[in-house]
């Protein structure tokens, strides 16, 4: 998001540097700069809101809090490893 905001700011700066334009071109550039500035403020608001959202999400989740289909079953994983190891030994 910060990269997008920086690119938009660069576009606004590049367009503001143009000189010797007639009135129509200048009005078009002003409208485009206004749209880009609006996008920049939207990105800035989103960036500023991310830390608050991040604080609401727990950094670690207990296995018992996960849905049943997402829970890690150690017995199944060990069984798969055991079968794979037995297959290696037999070959």
PDB file of N, CA and C in Angstrom:
ATOM      1  N   UNK A   1       0.813  -1.178   0.000  1.00  0.00           N
ATOM      2  CA  UNK A   1       0.000   0.000   0.000  1.00  0.00           C
ATOM      3  C   UNK A   1       0.866   1.255   0.000  1.00  0.00           C
ATOM      4  N   UNK A   2       1.937   1.210   0.764  1.00  0.00           N
ATOM      5  CA  UNK A   2       2.810   2.380   0.810  1.00  0.00           C
ATOM      6  C   UNK A   2       3.468   2.628  -0.539  1.00  0.00           C
ATOM      7  N   UNK A   3       3.782   1.540  -1.235  1.00  0.00           N
ATOM      8  CA  UNK A   3       4.393   1.689  -2.556  1.00  0.00           C
ATOM      9  C   UNK A   3       3.416   2.316  -3.538  1.00  0.00           C
ATOM     10  N   UNK A   4       2.161   1.876  -3.476  1.00  0.00           N
ATOM     11  CA  UNK A   4       1.143   2.452  -4.355  1.00  0.00           C
ATOM     12  C   UNK A   4       0.982   3.936  -4.075  1.00  0.00           C
ATOM     13  N   UNK A   5       0.945   4.275  -2.790  1.00  0.00           N
ATOM     14  CA  UNK A   5       0.811   5.678  -2.413  1.00  0.00           C
ATOM     15  C   UNK A   5       1.998   6.495  -2.923  1.00  0.00           C
ATOM     16  N   UNK A   6       3.197   5.954  -2.805  1.00  0.00           N
ATOM     17  CA  UNK A   6       4.389   6.670  -3.267  1.00  0.00           C
ATOM     18  C   UNK A   6       4.364   6.861  -4.782  1.00  0.00           C
ATOM     19  N   UNK A   7       3.896   5.838  -5.516  1.00  0.00           N
ATOM     20  CA  UNK A   7       3.798   5.976  -6.973  1.00  0.00           C
ATOM     21  C   UNK A   7       2.800   7.056  -7.369  1.00  0.00           C
ATOM     22  N   UNK A   8       1.674   7.100  -6.664  1.00  0.00           N
ATOM     23  CA  UNK A   8       0.680   8.127  -6.957  1.00  0.00           C
ATOM     24  C   UNK A   8       1.218   9.521  -6.635  1.00  0.00           C
ATOM     25  N   UNK A   9       1.954   9.634  -5.529  1.00  0.00           N
ATOM     26  CA  UNK A   9       2.537  10.922  -5.183  1.00  0.00           C
ATOM     27  C   UNK A   9       3.553  11.353  -6.239  1.00  0.00           C
ATOM     28  N   UNK A  10       4.295  10.401  -6.775  1.00  0.00           N
ATOM     29  CA  UNK A  10       5.256  10.722  -7.834  1.00  0.00           C
ATOM     30  C   UNK A  10       4.539  11.201  -9.093  1.00  0.00           C
ATOM     31  N   UNK A  11       3.405  10.597  -9.402  1.00  0.00           N
ATOM     32  CA  UNK A  11       2.640  11.031 -10.568  1.00  0.00           C
ATOM     33  C   UNK A  11       2.129  12.457 -10.388  1.00  0.00           C
ATOM     34  N   UNK A  12       1.654  12.772  -9.190  1.00  0.00           N
ATOM     35  CA  UNK A  12       1.165  14.125  -8.920  1.00  0.00           C
ATOM     36  C   UNK A  12       2.314  15.120  -9.062  1.00  0.00           C
ATOM     37  N   UNK A  13       3.466  14.776  -8.528  1.00  0.00           N
ATOM     38  CA  UNK A  13       4.621  15.667  -8.605  1.00  0.00           C
ATOM     39  C   UNK A  13       5.056  15.864 -10.047  1.00  0.00           C
ATOM     40  N   UNK A  14       5.069  14.779 -10.807  1.00  0.00           N
ATOM     41  CA  UNK A  14       5.490  14.859 -12.214  1.00  0.00           C
ATOM     42  C   UNK A  14       4.539  15.759 -13.007  1.00  0.00           C
ATOM     43  N   UNK A  15       3.256  15.632 -12.762  1.00  0.00           N
ATOM     44  CA  UNK A  15       2.285  16.443 -13.491  1.00  0.00           C
ATOM     45  C   UNK A  15       2.311  17.899 -13.049  1.00  0.00           C
ATOM     46  N   UNK A  16       2.679  18.132 -11.805  1.00  0.00           N
ATOM     47  CA  UNK A  16       2.713  19.513 -11.326  1.00  0.00           C
ATOM     48  C   UNK A  16       3.930  20.258 -11.865  1.00  0.00           C
ATOM     49  N   UNK A  17       4.943  19.543 -12.334  1.00  0.00           N
ATOM     50  CA  UNK A  17       6.144  20.180 -12.870  1.00  0.00           C
ATOM     51  C   UNK A  17       5.974  20.687 -14.293  1.00  0.00           C
ATOM     52  N   UNK A  18       4.943  20.247 -14.974  1.00  0.00           N
ATOM     53  CA  UNK A  18       4.767  20.648 -16.370  1.00  0.00           C
ATOM     54  C   UNK A  18       4.510  22.144 -16.463  1.00  0.00           C
ATOM     55  N   UNK A  19       5.156  22.776 -17.434  1.00  0.00           N
ATOM     56  CA  UNK A  19       5.035  24.219 -17.640  1.00  0.00           C
ATOM     57  C   UNK A  19       4.604  24.483 -19.083  1.00  0.00           C
ATOM     58  N   UNK A  20       4.200  25.694 -19.334  1.00  0.00           N
ATOM     59  CA  UNK A  20       3.806  26.169 -20.661  1.00  0.00           C
ATOM     60  C   UNK A  20       2.693  25.318 -21.281  1.00  0.00           C
ATOM     61  N   UNK A  21       1.610  25.185 -20.540  1.00  0.00           N
ATOM     62  CA  UNK A  21       0.440  24.470 -21.040  1.00  0.00           C
ATOM     63  C   UNK A  21      -0.693  25.461 -21.242  1.00  0.00           C
ATOM     64  N   UNK A  22      -1.567  25.149 -22.173  1.00  0.00           N
ATOM     65  CA  UNK A  22      -2.722  26.016 -22.343  1.00  0.00           C
ATOM     66  C   UNK A  22      -3.770  25.698 -21.274  1.00  0.00           C
ATOM     67  N   UNK A  23      -4.820  26.470 -21.240  1.00  0.00           N
ATOM     68  CA  UNK A  23      -5.837  26.378 -20.188  1.00  0.00           C
ATOM     69  C   UNK A  23      -6.513  25.011 -20.136  1.00  0.00           C
ATOM     70  N   UNK A  24      -6.879  24.446 -21.279  1.00  0.00           N
ATOM     71  CA  UNK A  24      -7.578  23.159 -21.305  1.00  0.00           C
ATOM     72  C   UNK A  24      -6.715  22.043 -20.741  1.00  0.00           C
ATOM     73  N   UNK A  25      -5.468  21.996 -21.157  1.00  0.00           N
ATOM     74  CA  UNK A  25      -4.569  20.957 -20.645  1.00  0.00           C
ATOM     75  C   UNK A  25      -4.339  21.126 -19.152  1.00  0.00           C
ATOM     76  N   UNK A  26      -4.236  22.368 -18.716  1.00  0.00           N
ATOM     77  CA  UNK A  26      -4.025  22.634 -17.297  1.00  0.00           C
ATOM     78  C   UNK A  26      -5.226  22.183 -16.465  1.00  0.00           C
ATOM     79  N   UNK A  27      -6.431  22.401 -16.962  1.00  0.00           N
ATOM     80  CA  UNK A  27      -7.634  21.960 -16.254  1.00  0.00           C
ATOM     81  C   UNK A  27      -7.692  20.438 -16.167  1.00  0.00           C
ATOM     82  N   UNK A  28      -7.306  19.773 -17.253  1.00  0.00           N
ATOM     83  CA  UNK A  28      -7.290  18.300 -17.245  1.00  0.00           C
ATOM     84  C   UNK A  28      -6.299  17.793 -16.210  1.00  0.00           C
ATOM     85  N   UNK A  29      -5.117  18.399 -16.173  1.00  0.00           N
ATOM     86  CA  UNK A  29      -4.096  17.977 -15.211  1.00  0.00           C
ATOM     87  C   UNK A  29      -4.565  18.245 -13.785  1.00  0.00           C
ATOM     88  N   UNK A  30      -5.237  19.351 -13.554  1.00  0.00           N
ATOM     89  CA  UNK A  30      -5.737  19.667 -12.213  1.00  0.00           C
ATOM     90  C   UNK A  30      -6.773  18.624 -11.775  1.00  0.00           C
ATOM     91  N   UNK A  31      -7.658  18.224 -12.689  1.00  0.00           N
ATOM     92  CA  UNK A  31      -8.655  17.196 -12.360  1.00  0.00           C
ATOM     93  C   UNK A  31      -7.975  15.860 -12.041  1.00  0.00           C
ATOM     94  N   UNK A  32      -6.980  15.506 -12.860  1.00  0.00           N
ATOM     95  CA  UNK A  32      -6.268  14.253 -12.624  1.00  0.00           C
ATOM     96  C   UNK A  32      -5.529  14.299 -11.287  1.00  0.00           C
ATOM     97  N   UNK A  33      -4.914  15.430 -10.983  1.00  0.00           N
ATOM     98  CA  UNK A  33      -4.221  15.563  -9.699  1.00  0.00           C
ATOM     99  C   UNK A  33      -5.193  15.453  -8.531  1.00  0.00           C
ATOM    100  N   UNK A  34      -6.392  15.996  -8.690  1.00  0.00           N
ATOM    101  CA  UNK A  34      -7.386  15.896  -7.625  1.00  0.00           C
ATOM    102  C   UNK A  34      -7.786  14.434  -7.393  1.00  0.00           C
ATOM    103  N   UNK A  35      -7.961  13.690  -8.487  1.00  0.00           N
ATOM    104  CA  UNK A  35      -8.306  12.266  -8.357  1.00  0.00           C
ATOM    105  C   UNK A  35      -7.165  11.494  -7.710  1.00  0.00           C
ATOM    106  N   UNK A  36      -5.935  11.791  -8.130  1.00  0.00           N
ATOM    107  CA  UNK A  36      -4.790  11.097  -7.545  1.00  0.00           C
ATOM    108  C   UNK A  36      -4.630  11.453  -6.067  1.00  0.00           C
ATOM    109  N   UNK A  37      -4.865  12.705  -5.727  1.00  0.00           N
ATOM    110  CA  UNK A  37      -4.765  13.116  -4.333  1.00  0.00           C
ATOM    111  C   UNK A  37      -5.823  12.420  -3.488  1.00  0.00           C
ATOM    112  N   UNK A  38      -7.005  12.236  -4.045  1.00  0.00           N
ATOM    113  CA  UNK A  38      -8.061  11.517  -3.331  1.00  0.00           C
ATOM    114  C   UNK A  38      -7.661  10.064  -3.093  1.00  0.00           C
ATOM    115  N   UNK A  39      -7.068   9.432  -4.103  1.00  0.00           N
ATOM    116  CA  UNK A  39      -6.600   8.056  -3.939  1.00  0.00           C
ATOM    117  C   UNK A  39      -5.498   7.992  -2.884  1.00  0.00           C
ATOM    118  N   UNK A  40      -4.612   8.987  -2.902  1.00  0.00           N
ATOM    119  CA  UNK A  40      -3.517   9.016  -1.928  1.00  0.00           C
ATOM    120  C   UNK A  40      -4.074   9.099  -0.510  1.00  0.00           C
ATOM    121  N   UNK A  41      -5.070   9.932  -0.295  1.00  0.00           N
ATOM    122  CA  UNK A  41      -5.650  10.033   1.050  1.00  0.00           C
ATOM    123  C   UNK A  41      -6.362   8.738   1.442  1.00  0.00           C
ATOM    124  N   UNK A  42      -6.984   8.061   0.484  1.00  0.00           N
ATOM    125  CA  UNK A  42      -7.603   6.769   0.785  1.00  0.00           C
ATOM    126  C   UNK A  42      -6.557   5.758   1.227  1.00  0.00           C
ATOM    127  N   UNK A  43      -5.442   5.691   0.485  1.00  0.00           N
ATOM    128  CA  UNK A  43      -4.365   4.765   0.852  1.00  0.00           C
ATOM    129  C   UNK A  43      -3.774   5.126   2.211  1.00  0.00           C
ATOM    130  N   UNK A  44      -3.622   6.419   2.474  1.00  0.00           N
ATOM    131  CA  UNK A  44      -3.078   6.848   3.765  1.00  0.00           C
ATOM    132  C   UNK A  44      -4.010   6.440   4.895  1.00  0.00           C
ATOM    133  N   UNK A  45      -5.309   6.604   4.694  1.00  0.00           N
ATOM    134  CA  UNK A  45      -6.272   6.190   5.717  1.00  0.00           C
ATOM    135  C   UNK A  45      -6.213   4.680   5.947  1.00  0.00           C
ATOM    136  N   UNK A  46      -6.107   3.917   4.849  1.00  0.00           N
ATOM    137  CA  UNK A  46      -6.000   2.457   4.984  1.00  0.00           C
ATOM    138  C   UNK A  46      -4.731   2.065   5.723  1.00  0.00           C
ATOM    139  N   UNK A  47      -3.619   2.719   5.396  1.00  0.00           N
ATOM    140  CA  UNK A  47      -2.341   2.402   6.042  1.00  0.00           C
ATOM    141  C   UNK A  47      -2.410   2.730   7.521  1.00  0.00           C
ATOM    142  N   UNK A  48      -3.014   3.854   7.864  1.00  0.00           N
ATOM    143  CA  UNK A  48      -3.113   4.241   9.272  1.00  0.00           C
ATOM    144  C   UNK A  48      -4.051   3.328  10.058  1.00  0.00           C
ATOM    145  N   UNK A  49      -5.003   2.689   9.395  1.00  0.00           N
ATOM    146  CA  UNK A  49      -5.929   1.794  10.072  1.00  0.00           C
ATOM    147  C   UNK A  49      -5.405   0.381  10.253  1.00  0.00           C
ATOM    148  N   UNK A  50      -4.350   0.016   9.544  1.00  0.00           N
ATOM    149  CA  UNK A  50      -3.834  -1.357   9.631  1.00  0.00           C
ATOM    150  C   UNK A  50      -3.293  -1.739  11.007  1.00  0.00           C
ATOM    151  N   UNK A  51      -2.534  -0.891  11.695  1.00  0.00           N
ATOM    152  CA  UNK A  51      -2.064  -1.312  13.030  1.00  0.00           C
ATOM    153  C   UNK A  51      -3.198  -1.599  14.006  1.00  0.00           C
ATOM    154  N   UNK A  52      -4.275  -0.840  13.926  1.00  0.00           N
ATOM    155  CA  UNK A  52      -5.407  -1.094  14.828  1.00  0.00           C
ATOM    156  C   UNK A  52      -6.048  -2.444  14.512  1.00  0.00           C
ATOM    157  N   UNK A  53      -6.164  -2.768  13.231  1.00  0.00           N
ATOM    158  CA  UNK A  53      -6.717  -4.072  12.855  1.00  0.00           C
ATOM    159  C   UNK A  53      -5.792  -5.192  13.305  1.00  0.00           C
ATOM    160  N   UNK A  54      -4.492  -4.965  13.200  1.00  0.00           N
ATOM    161  CA  UNK A  54      -3.520  -5.979  13.568  1.00  0.00           C
ATOM    162  C   UNK A  54      -3.581  -6.282  15.057  1.00  0.00           C
ATOM    163  N   UNK A  55      -3.855  -5.268  15.883  1.00  0.00           N
ATOM    164  CA  UNK A  55      -3.936  -5.485  17.323  1.00  0.00           C
ATOM    165  C   UNK A  55      -5.140  -6.332  17.705  1.00  0.00           C
ATOM    166  N   UNK A  56      -6.189  -6.289  16.898  1.00  0.00           N
ATOM    167  CA  UNK A  56      -7.396  -7.067  17.185  1.00  0.00           C
ATOM    168  C   UNK A  56      -7.219  -8.550  16.893  1.00  0.00           C
ATOM    169  N   UNK A  57      -6.272  -8.890  16.030  1.00  0.00           N
ATOM    170  CA  UNK A  57      -6.041 -10.284  15.653  1.00  0.00           C
ATOM    171  C   UNK A  57      -5.021 -10.889  16.612  1.00  0.00           C
ATOM    172  N   UNK A  58      -5.340 -12.002  17.242  1.00  0.00           N
ATOM    173  CA  UNK A  58      -4.376 -12.609  18.168  1.00  0.00           C
ATOM    174  C   UNK A  58      -3.166 -13.145  17.418  1.00  0.00           C
ATOM    175  N   UNK A  59      -1.998 -13.051  18.073  1.00  0.00           N
ATOM    176  CA  UNK A  59      -0.772 -13.485  17.418  1.00  0.00           C
ATOM    177  C   UNK A  59      -0.640 -15.005  17.393  1.00  0.00           C
ATOM    178  N   UNK A  60      -1.258 -15.664  18.339  1.00  0.00           N
ATOM    179  CA  UNK A  60      -1.229 -17.126  18.341  1.00  0.00           C
ATOM    180  C   UNK A  60      -2.633 -17.643  18.633  1.00  0.00           C
ATOM    181  N   UNK A  61      -2.951 -18.751  18.002  1.00  0.00           N
ATOM    182  CA  UNK A  61      -4.268 -19.354  18.167  1.00  0.00           C
ATOM    183  C   UNK A  61      -4.077 -20.759  18.727  1.00  0.00           C
ATOM    184  N   UNK A  62      -4.848 -21.101  19.720  1.00  0.00           N
ATOM    185  CA  UNK A  62      -4.750 -22.437  20.294  1.00  0.00           C
ATOM    186  C   UNK A  62      -5.425 -23.428  19.361  1.00  0.00           C
ATOM    187  N   UNK A  63      -4.925 -24.640  19.381  1.00  0.00           N
ATOM    188  CA  UNK A  63      -5.457 -25.679  18.502  1.00  0.00           C
ATOM    189  C   UNK A  63      -6.920 -25.942  18.803  1.00  0.00           C
ATOM    190  N   UNK A  64      -7.280 -25.912  20.045  1.00  0.00           N
ATOM    191  CA  UNK A  64      -8.678 -26.210  20.393  1.00  0.00           C
ATOM    192  C   UNK A  64      -9.646 -25.123  19.898  1.00  0.00           C
ATOM    193  N   UNK A  65      -9.115 -23.931  19.603  1.00  0.00           N
ATOM    194  CA  UNK A  65      -9.965 -22.859  19.089  1.00  0.00           C
ATOM    195  C   UNK A  65     -10.172 -22.957  17.580  1.00  0.00           C
ATOM    196  N   UNK A  66      -9.375 -23.773  16.912  1.00  0.00           N
ATOM    197  CA  UNK A  66      -9.523 -23.938  15.465  1.00  0.00           C
ATOM    198  C   UNK A  66     -10.720 -24.822  15.137  1.00  0.00           C
ATOM    199  N   UNK A  67     -11.292 -24.677  13.951  1.00  0.00           N
ATOM    200  CA  UNK A  67     -12.341 -25.611  13.540  1.00  0.00           C
ATOM    201  C   UNK A  67     -11.768 -27.032  13.428  1.00  0.00           C
ATOM    202  N   UNK A  68     -12.621 -28.016  13.547  1.00  0.00           N
ATOM    203  CA  UNK A  68     -12.147 -29.408  13.563  1.00  0.00           C
ATOM    204  C   UNK A  68     -11.375 -29.788  12.301  1.00  0.00           C
ATOM    205  N   UNK A  69     -11.795 -29.288  11.140  1.00  0.00           N
ATOM    206  CA  UNK A  69     -11.107 -29.668   9.908  1.00  0.00           C
ATOM    207  C   UNK A  69      -9.739 -29.005   9.783  1.00  0.00           C
ATOM    208  N   UNK A  70      -9.464 -27.975  10.568  1.00  0.00           N
ATOM    209  CA  UNK A  70      -8.178 -27.277  10.506  1.00  0.00           C
ATOM    210  C   UNK A  70      -7.227 -27.702  11.616  1.00  0.00           C
ATOM    211  N   UNK A  71      -7.716 -28.448  12.584  1.00  0.00           N
ATOM    212  CA  UNK A  71      -6.870 -28.839  13.712  1.00  0.00           C
ATOM    213  C   UNK A  71      -5.801 -29.824  13.265  1.00  0.00           C
ATOM    214  N   UNK A  72      -4.645 -29.681  13.847  1.00  0.00           N
ATOM    215  CA  UNK A  72      -3.519 -30.555  13.558  1.00  0.00           C
ATOM    216  C   UNK A  72      -3.658 -31.828  14.382  1.00  0.00           C
ATOM    217  N   UNK A  73      -3.651 -32.955  13.702  1.00  0.00           N
ATOM    218  CA  UNK A  73      -3.744 -34.229  14.398  1.00  0.00           C
ATOM    219  C   UNK A  73      -2.372 -34.885  14.331  1.00  0.00           C
ATOM    220  N   UNK A  74      -1.682 -34.888  15.446  1.00  0.00           N
ATOM    221  CA  UNK A  74      -0.314 -35.388  15.492  1.00  0.00           C
ATOM    222  C   UNK A  74      -0.247 -36.887  15.185  1.00  0.00           C
ATOM    223  N   UNK A  75      -1.264 -37.629  15.598  1.00  0.00           N
ATOM    224  CA  UNK A  75      -1.248 -39.070  15.351  1.00  0.00           C
ATOM    225  C   UNK A  75      -1.295 -39.375  13.854  1.00  0.00           C
ATOM    226  N   UNK A  76      -2.096 -38.652  13.107  1.00  0.00           N
ATOM    227  CA  UNK A  76      -2.190 -38.887  11.669  1.00  0.00           C
ATOM    228  C   UNK A  76      -0.863 -38.558  11.000  1.00  0.00           C
ATOM    229  N   UNK A  77      -0.248 -37.433  11.384  1.00  0.00           N
ATOM    230  CA  UNK A  77       1.025 -37.034  10.780  1.00  0.00           C
ATOM    231  C   UNK A  77       2.119 -38.049  11.105  1.00  0.00           C
ATOM    232  N   UNK A  78       2.162 -38.529  12.354  1.00  0.00           N
ATOM    233  CA  UNK A  78       3.178 -39.519  12.728  1.00  0.00           C
ATOM    234  C   UNK A  78       2.939 -40.836  11.999  1.00  0.00           C
ATOM    235  N   UNK A  79       1.686 -41.182  11.797  1.00  0.00           N
ATOM    236  CA  UNK A  79       1.369 -42.407  11.084  1.00  0.00           C
ATOM    237  C   UNK A  79       1.851 -42.316   9.638  1.00  0.00           C
ATOM    238  N   UNK A  80       1.650 -41.162   9.006  1.00  0.00           N
ATOM    239  CA  UNK A  80       2.110 -40.979   7.627  1.00  0.00           C
ATOM    240  C   UNK A  80       3.629 -41.081   7.547  1.00  0.00           C
ATOM    241  N   UNK A  81       4.316 -40.485   8.529  1.00  0.00           N
ATOM    242  CA  UNK A  81       5.776 -40.551   8.547  1.00  0.00           C
ATOM    243  C   UNK A  81       6.241 -41.998   8.730  1.00  0.00           C
ATOM    244  N   UNK A  82       5.525 -42.728   9.582  1.00  0.00           N
ATOM    245  CA  UNK A  82       5.906 -44.112   9.867  1.00  0.00           C
ATOM    246  C   UNK A  82       5.745 -44.969   8.613  1.00  0.00           C
ATOM    247  N   UNK A  83       4.631 -44.777   7.882  1.00  0.00           N
ATOM    248  CA  UNK A  83       4.431 -45.536   6.645  1.00  0.00           C
ATOM    249  C   UNK A  83       5.470 -45.183   5.604  1.00  0.00           C
ATOM    250  N   UNK A  84       5.819 -43.916   5.515  1.00  0.00           N
ATOM    251  CA  UNK A  84       6.835 -43.490   4.550  1.00  0.00           C
ATOM    252  C   UNK A  84       8.189 -44.087   4.919  1.00  0.00           C
ATOM    253  N   UNK A  85       8.519 -44.100   6.186  1.00  0.00           N
ATOM    254  CA  UNK A  85       9.790 -44.657   6.640  1.00  0.00           C
ATOM    255  C   UNK A  85       9.829 -46.160   6.393  1.00  0.00           C
ATOM    256  N   UNK A  86       8.710 -46.850   6.633  1.00  0.00           N
ATOM    257  CA  UNK A  86       8.649 -48.292   6.371  1.00  0.00           C
ATOM    258  C   UNK A  86       8.808 -48.586   4.888  1.00  0.00           C
ATOM    259  N   UNK A  87       8.243 -47.752   4.045  1.00  0.00           N
ATOM    260  CA  UNK A  87       8.372 -47.950   2.599  1.00  0.00           C
ATOM    261  C   UNK A  87       9.824 -47.764   2.180  1.00  0.00           C
ATOM    262  N   UNK A  88      10.507 -46.841   2.792  1.00  0.00           N
ATOM    263  CA  UNK A  88      11.927 -46.641   2.473  1.00  0.00           C
ATOM    264  C   UNK A  88      12.773 -47.831   2.917  1.00  0.00           C
ATOM    265  N   UNK A  89      12.439 -48.384   4.072  1.00  0.00           N
ATOM    266  CA  UNK A  89      13.187 -49.522   4.574  1.00  0.00           C
ATOM    267  C   UNK A  89      12.980 -50.774   3.717  1.00  0.00           C
ATOM    268  N   UNK A  90      11.783 -50.927   3.170  1.00  0.00           N
ATOM    269  CA  UNK A  90      11.492 -52.109   2.375  1.00  0.00           C
ATOM    270  C   UNK A  90      12.156 -52.063   1.009  1.00  0.00           C
ATOM    271  N   UNK A  91      12.448 -50.910   0.509  1.00  0.00           N
ATOM    272  CA  UNK A  91      13.037 -50.847  -0.834  1.00  0.00           C
ATOM    273  C   UNK A  91      14.527 -51.004  -0.832  1.00  0.00           C
TER     274      UNK A  91
END
